[in-house]
């Protein structure tokens, strides 16, 4: 089997799993209960109502719309400037909502369990060690993230590369680190 074929299978299984967990939430059962208690609290927390109404929902919608998204990342001293846009108004609105919510969660120190990303947990764990500037654009957002700490600069740039992969490949990109790491 080729890597592309395996990634396709994993992406389909992930999408089915997300749909299952979302369905379990909407009928009033926690995902761990729906799986007969076999899943740990991490899955319950990740797919909990707060995350399904927010970052998980918009993130999954953005994965589905990845082909409608344009993204340019420029390295700046101490970090990056990233412009993420879409010509589709609904997709542009989703981009804005997702980034604004993630920045709000960072500012409120409300971590978001997201095991498909290596950079998101580091960004939340170190949210006070870097600066974020968000600009709403008519078709999306421009963000500038910088730090004086070279280790944090590496995390910021790794996150930008990770998001670039999500935009380029959609859901299969989120599985790369899980399969390679």
C-alpha atoms as a PDB file:
ATOM      1  CA  UNK A   1       0.000   0.000   0.000  1.00  0.00           C
ATOM      2  CA  UNK A   2       1.225   3.492  -0.785  1.00  0.00           C
ATOM      3  CA  UNK A   3       1.566   6.230   1.803  1.00  0.00           C
ATOM      4  CA  UNK A   4      -1.065   8.322  -0.045  1.00  0.00           C
ATOM      5  CA  UNK A   5      -3.529   5.430   0.082  1.00  0.00           C
ATOM      6  CA  UNK A   6      -2.884   4.903   3.810  1.00  0.00           C
ATOM      7  CA  UNK A   7      -3.311   8.616   4.504  1.00  0.00           C
ATOM      8  CA  UNK A   8      -6.585   8.554   2.579  1.00  0.00           C
ATOM      9  CA  UNK A   9      -7.831   5.641   4.703  1.00  0.00           C
ATOM     10  CA  UNK A  10      -6.758   7.338   7.930  1.00  0.00           C
ATOM     11  CA  UNK A  11      -8.444  10.596   6.886  1.00  0.00           C
ATOM     12  CA  UNK A  12     -11.691   8.769   6.126  1.00  0.00           C
ATOM     13  CA  UNK A  13     -11.530   6.932   9.439  1.00  0.00           C
ATOM     14  CA  UNK A  14     -10.821  10.220  11.252  1.00  0.00           C
ATOM     15  CA  UNK A  15     -13.756  11.925   9.564  1.00  0.00           C
ATOM     16  CA  UNK A  16     -16.004   8.994  10.472  1.00  0.00           C
ATOM     17  CA  UNK A  17     -14.738   9.108  14.052  1.00  0.00           C
ATOM     18  CA  UNK A  18     -15.394  12.835  14.339  1.00  0.00           C
ATOM     19  CA  UNK A  19     -18.882  12.340  12.922  1.00  0.00           C
ATOM     20  CA  UNK A  20     -19.486   9.522  15.432  1.00  0.00           C
ATOM     21  CA  UNK A  21     -18.337  11.638  18.375  1.00  0.00           C
ATOM     22  CA  UNK A  22     -20.360  14.632  17.188  1.00  0.00           C
ATOM     23  CA  UNK A  23     -23.430  12.443  16.846  1.00  0.00           C
ATOM     24  CA  UNK A  24     -22.870  11.054  20.328  1.00  0.00           C
ATOM     25  CA  UNK A  25     -22.756  14.595  21.686  1.00  0.00           C
ATOM     26  CA  UNK A  26     -25.900  15.681  19.904  1.00  0.00           C
ATOM     27  CA  UNK A  27     -27.907  12.763  21.302  1.00  0.00           C
ATOM     28  CA  UNK A  28     -26.743  13.647  24.795  1.00  0.00           C
ATOM     29  CA  UNK A  29     -24.054  11.036  25.419  1.00  0.00           C
ATOM     30  CA  UNK A  30     -20.401  11.706  26.096  1.00  0.00           C
ATOM     31  CA  UNK A  31     -18.036  10.124  23.516  1.00  0.00           C
ATOM     32  CA  UNK A  32     -16.438   7.901  26.143  1.00  0.00           C
ATOM     33  CA  UNK A  33     -19.887   6.606  27.071  1.00  0.00           C
ATOM     34  CA  UNK A  34     -20.766   6.051  23.426  1.00  0.00           C
ATOM     35  CA  UNK A  35     -17.643   3.877  23.112  1.00  0.00           C
ATOM     36  CA  UNK A  36     -18.660   1.849  26.146  1.00  0.00           C
ATOM     37  CA  UNK A  37     -16.256   3.697  28.430  1.00  0.00           C
ATOM     38  CA  UNK A  38     -13.236   2.441  26.473  1.00  0.00           C
ATOM     39  CA  UNK A  39     -11.958   5.922  25.622  1.00  0.00           C
ATOM     40  CA  UNK A  40     -10.144   8.170  28.081  1.00  0.00           C
ATOM     41  CA  UNK A  41     -10.936  11.672  29.264  1.00  0.00           C
ATOM     42  CA  UNK A  42      -8.718  13.201  26.547  1.00  0.00           C
ATOM     43  CA  UNK A  43     -11.212  12.202  23.850  1.00  0.00           C
ATOM     44  CA  UNK A  44     -14.139  13.286  26.009  1.00  0.00           C
ATOM     45  CA  UNK A  45     -12.459  16.664  26.611  1.00  0.00           C
ATOM     46  CA  UNK A  46     -11.416  17.100  22.975  1.00  0.00           C
ATOM     47  CA  UNK A  47     -14.906  16.370  21.668  1.00  0.00           C
ATOM     48  CA  UNK A  48     -16.734  18.044  24.552  1.00  0.00           C
ATOM     49  CA  UNK A  49     -19.546  20.518  23.883  1.00  0.00           C
ATOM     50  CA  UNK A  50     -17.298  23.578  24.359  1.00  0.00           C
ATOM     51  CA  UNK A  51     -14.888  22.344  21.687  1.00  0.00           C
ATOM     52  CA  UNK A  52     -17.562  21.006  19.304  1.00  0.00           C
ATOM     53  CA  UNK A  53     -19.276  24.392  19.263  1.00  0.00           C
ATOM     54  CA  UNK A  54     -15.959  26.129  18.728  1.00  0.00           C
ATOM     55  CA  UNK A  55     -12.529  25.076  17.559  1.00  0.00           C
ATOM     56  CA  UNK A  56     -13.322  21.486  16.595  1.00  0.00           C
ATOM     57  CA  UNK A  57     -16.387  22.489  14.584  1.00  0.00           C
ATOM     58  CA  UNK A  58     -14.741  25.349  12.721  1.00  0.00           C
ATOM     59  CA  UNK A  59     -11.506  23.390  12.322  1.00  0.00           C
ATOM     60  CA  UNK A  60     -13.307  20.444  10.743  1.00  0.00           C
ATOM     61  CA  UNK A  61     -15.256  22.753   8.441  1.00  0.00           C
ATOM     62  CA  UNK A  62     -12.003  24.411   7.386  1.00  0.00           C
ATOM     63  CA  UNK A  63     -10.445  21.003   6.661  1.00  0.00           C
ATOM     64  CA  UNK A  64     -13.387  20.303   4.350  1.00  0.00           C
ATOM     65  CA  UNK A  65     -12.936  23.671   2.616  1.00  0.00           C
ATOM     66  CA  UNK A  66      -9.131  23.639   2.416  1.00  0.00           C
ATOM     67  CA  UNK A  67      -9.135  23.918  -1.398  1.00  0.00           C
ATOM     68  CA  UNK A  68     -10.930  27.279  -1.074  1.00  0.00           C
ATOM     69  CA  UNK A  69      -8.251  28.763   1.192  1.00  0.00           C
ATOM     70  CA  UNK A  70      -5.170  30.762   0.157  1.00  0.00           C
ATOM     71  CA  UNK A  71      -2.323  31.263   2.611  1.00  0.00           C
ATOM     72  CA  UNK A  72       0.933  33.184   2.498  1.00  0.00           C
ATOM     73  CA  UNK A  73       3.476  33.013   5.308  1.00  0.00           C
ATOM     74  CA  UNK A  74       6.408  35.392   5.547  1.00  0.00           C
ATOM     75  CA  UNK A  75       9.168  35.012   8.092  1.00  0.00           C
ATOM     76  CA  UNK A  76       9.656  38.230  10.033  1.00  0.00           C
ATOM     77  CA  UNK A  77      12.228  38.938  12.749  1.00  0.00           C
ATOM     78  CA  UNK A  78      11.288  36.699  15.667  1.00  0.00           C
ATOM     79  CA  UNK A  79       8.383  34.907  13.991  1.00  0.00           C
ATOM     80  CA  UNK A  80       5.940  34.982  11.102  1.00  0.00           C
ATOM     81  CA  UNK A  81       3.248  37.017   9.400  1.00  0.00           C
ATOM     82  CA  UNK A  82       0.559  34.818   7.865  1.00  0.00           C
ATOM     83  CA  UNK A  83      -2.287  35.921   5.628  1.00  0.00           C
ATOM     84  CA  UNK A  84      -5.082  33.355   5.324  1.00  0.00           C
ATOM     85  CA  UNK A  85      -7.974  34.177   3.010  1.00  0.00           C
ATOM     86  CA  UNK A  86     -10.723  32.769   0.850  1.00  0.00           C
ATOM     87  CA  UNK A  87     -12.731  34.159  -2.041  1.00  0.00           C
ATOM     88  CA  UNK A  88     -15.720  32.234  -0.647  1.00  0.00           C
ATOM     89  CA  UNK A  89     -17.465  34.493   1.924  1.00  0.00           C
ATOM     90  CA  UNK A  90     -18.567  31.610   4.178  1.00  0.00           C
ATOM     91  CA  UNK A  91     -15.049  30.159   4.253  1.00  0.00           C
ATOM     92  CA  UNK A  92     -13.574  33.619   4.947  1.00  0.00           C
ATOM     93  CA  UNK A  93     -15.989  33.958   7.870  1.00  0.00           C
ATOM     94  CA  UNK A  94     -14.964  30.527   9.217  1.00  0.00           C
ATOM     95  CA  UNK A  95     -11.278  31.500   9.029  1.00  0.00           C
ATOM     96  CA  UNK A  96     -11.977  34.682  10.998  1.00  0.00           C
ATOM     97  CA  UNK A  97     -14.108  32.899  13.590  1.00  0.00           C
ATOM     98  CA  UNK A  98     -11.585  30.096  14.106  1.00  0.00           C
ATOM     99  CA  UNK A  99      -8.542  32.338  14.531  1.00  0.00           C
ATOM    100  CA  UNK A 100     -10.396  34.804  16.738  1.00  0.00           C
ATOM    101  CA  UNK A 101     -11.609  31.994  18.991  1.00  0.00           C
ATOM    102  CA  UNK A 102      -8.176  30.399  19.227  1.00  0.00           C
ATOM    103  CA  UNK A 103      -6.599  33.749  20.164  1.00  0.00           C
ATOM    104  CA  UNK A 104      -9.343  34.314  22.748  1.00  0.00           C
ATOM    105  CA  UNK A 105      -8.663  30.878  24.231  1.00  0.00           C
ATOM    106  CA  UNK A 106      -4.923  31.623  24.323  1.00  0.00           C
ATOM    107  CA  UNK A 107      -5.549  34.948  26.089  1.00  0.00           C
ATOM    108  CA  UNK A 108      -7.863  33.257  28.621  1.00  0.00           C
ATOM    109  CA  UNK A 109      -5.477  30.322  29.157  1.00  0.00           C
ATOM    110  CA  UNK A 110      -8.173  27.846  28.062  1.00  0.00           C
ATOM    111  CA  UNK A 111      -6.124  25.071  26.461  1.00  0.00           C
ATOM    112  CA  UNK A 112      -7.694  23.047  23.749  1.00  0.00           C
ATOM    113  CA  UNK A 113      -6.788  19.335  23.618  1.00  0.00           C
ATOM    114  CA  UNK A 114      -5.741  18.696  20.027  1.00  0.00           C
ATOM    115  CA  UNK A 115      -3.589  15.566  19.690  1.00  0.00           C
ATOM    116  CA  UNK A 116      -3.266  15.880  15.902  1.00  0.00           C
ATOM    117  CA  UNK A 117      -0.953  18.879  16.323  1.00  0.00           C
ATOM    118  CA  UNK A 118       2.494  19.081  17.824  1.00  0.00           C
ATOM    119  CA  UNK A 119       2.556  22.881  17.784  1.00  0.00           C
ATOM    120  CA  UNK A 120      -0.859  23.763  19.279  1.00  0.00           C
ATOM    121  CA  UNK A 121      -0.100  22.315  22.749  1.00  0.00           C
ATOM    122  CA  UNK A 122       3.244  24.181  22.795  1.00  0.00           C
ATOM    123  CA  UNK A 123       1.522  27.408  21.759  1.00  0.00           C
ATOM    124  CA  UNK A 124      -0.976  27.085  24.638  1.00  0.00           C
ATOM    125  CA  UNK A 125       1.676  26.033  27.162  1.00  0.00           C
ATOM    126  CA  UNK A 126       3.742  29.100  26.249  1.00  0.00           C
ATOM    127  CA  UNK A 127       1.037  31.630  25.395  1.00  0.00           C
ATOM    128  CA  UNK A 128       2.697  34.350  27.512  1.00  0.00           C
ATOM    129  CA  UNK A 129       6.068  33.869  25.769  1.00  0.00           C
ATOM    130  CA  UNK A 130       4.984  35.250  22.397  1.00  0.00           C
ATOM    131  CA  UNK A 131       3.031  38.149  21.004  1.00  0.00           C
ATOM    132  CA  UNK A 132       0.038  37.851  18.698  1.00  0.00           C
ATOM    133  CA  UNK A 133      -1.489  40.470  16.465  1.00  0.00           C
ATOM    134  CA  UNK A 134      -4.687  39.717  14.550  1.00  0.00           C
ATOM    135  CA  UNK A 135      -6.009  41.808  11.676  1.00  0.00           C
ATOM    136  CA  UNK A 136      -9.412  41.033  10.184  1.00  0.00           C
ATOM    137  CA  UNK A 137      -9.315  41.326   6.425  1.00  0.00           C
ATOM    138  CA  UNK A 138     -12.330  41.397   4.089  1.00  0.00           C
ATOM    139  CA  UNK A 139     -11.511  37.826   2.939  1.00  0.00           C
ATOM    140  CA  UNK A 140      -9.878  36.387   6.075  1.00  0.00           C
ATOM    141  CA  UNK A 141      -7.148  37.324   8.528  1.00  0.00           C
ATOM    142  CA  UNK A 142      -3.558  38.424   8.812  1.00  0.00           C
ATOM    143  CA  UNK A 143      -1.709  37.335  11.942  1.00  0.00           C
ATOM    144  CA  UNK A 144       1.726  38.278  13.157  1.00  0.00           C
ATOM    145  CA  UNK A 145       3.242  36.107  15.871  1.00  0.00           C
ATOM    146  CA  UNK A 146       6.653  36.925  17.336  1.00  0.00           C
ATOM    147  CA  UNK A 147       8.866  36.157  20.311  1.00  0.00           C
ATOM    148  CA  UNK A 148      12.298  37.069  21.629  1.00  0.00           C
ATOM    149  CA  UNK A 149      12.825  33.461  22.723  1.00  0.00           C
ATOM    150  CA  UNK A 150      14.483  31.433  19.909  1.00  0.00           C
ATOM    151  CA  UNK A 151      12.747  28.221  21.082  1.00  0.00           C
ATOM    152  CA  UNK A 152       9.366  29.933  20.862  1.00  0.00           C
ATOM    153  CA  UNK A 153      10.223  31.342  17.428  1.00  0.00           C
ATOM    154  CA  UNK A 154      10.832  27.746  16.315  1.00  0.00           C
ATOM    155  CA  UNK A 155       7.398  26.731  17.676  1.00  0.00           C
ATOM    156  CA  UNK A 156       5.709  29.683  15.926  1.00  0.00           C
ATOM    157  CA  UNK A 157       7.324  28.777  12.611  1.00  0.00           C
ATOM    158  CA  UNK A 158       6.531  25.081  13.051  1.00  0.00           C
ATOM    159  CA  UNK A 159       2.891  25.998  13.637  1.00  0.00           C
ATOM    160  CA  UNK A 160       2.854  28.097  10.461  1.00  0.00           C
ATOM    161  CA  UNK A 161       4.230  25.125   8.477  1.00  0.00           C
ATOM    162  CA  UNK A 162       1.643  22.835  10.056  1.00  0.00           C
ATOM    163  CA  UNK A 163      -1.224  25.149   9.066  1.00  0.00           C
ATOM    164  CA  UNK A 164       0.249  25.432   5.556  1.00  0.00           C
ATOM    165  CA  UNK A 165      -0.013  21.641   5.315  1.00  0.00           C
ATOM    166  CA  UNK A 166      -3.616  21.740   6.506  1.00  0.00           C
ATOM    167  CA  UNK A 167      -4.456  24.305   3.822  1.00  0.00           C
ATOM    168  CA  UNK A 168      -2.580  22.395   1.123  1.00  0.00           C
ATOM    169  CA  UNK A 169      -3.802  18.865   1.916  1.00  0.00           C
ATOM    170  CA  UNK A 170      -6.823  19.164   4.175  1.00  0.00           C
ATOM    171  CA  UNK A 171      -7.515  16.451   6.728  1.00  0.00           C
ATOM    172  CA  UNK A 172      -4.765  14.026   5.610  1.00  0.00           C
ATOM    173  CA  UNK A 173      -2.164  16.602   6.672  1.00  0.00           C
ATOM    174  CA  UNK A 174      -3.254  16.351  10.303  1.00  0.00           C
ATOM    175  CA  UNK A 175      -2.355  12.675  10.256  1.00  0.00           C
ATOM    176  CA  UNK A 176       1.247  13.127   9.062  1.00  0.00           C
ATOM    177  CA  UNK A 177       2.745  13.820  12.475  1.00  0.00           C
ATOM    178  CA  UNK A 178       0.689  11.074  14.066  1.00  0.00           C
ATOM    179  CA  UNK A 179       1.980   8.541  11.516  1.00  0.00           C
ATOM    180  CA  UNK A 180       5.545   9.867  11.410  1.00  0.00           C
ATOM    181  CA  UNK A 181       5.941  10.676  15.103  1.00  0.00           C
END
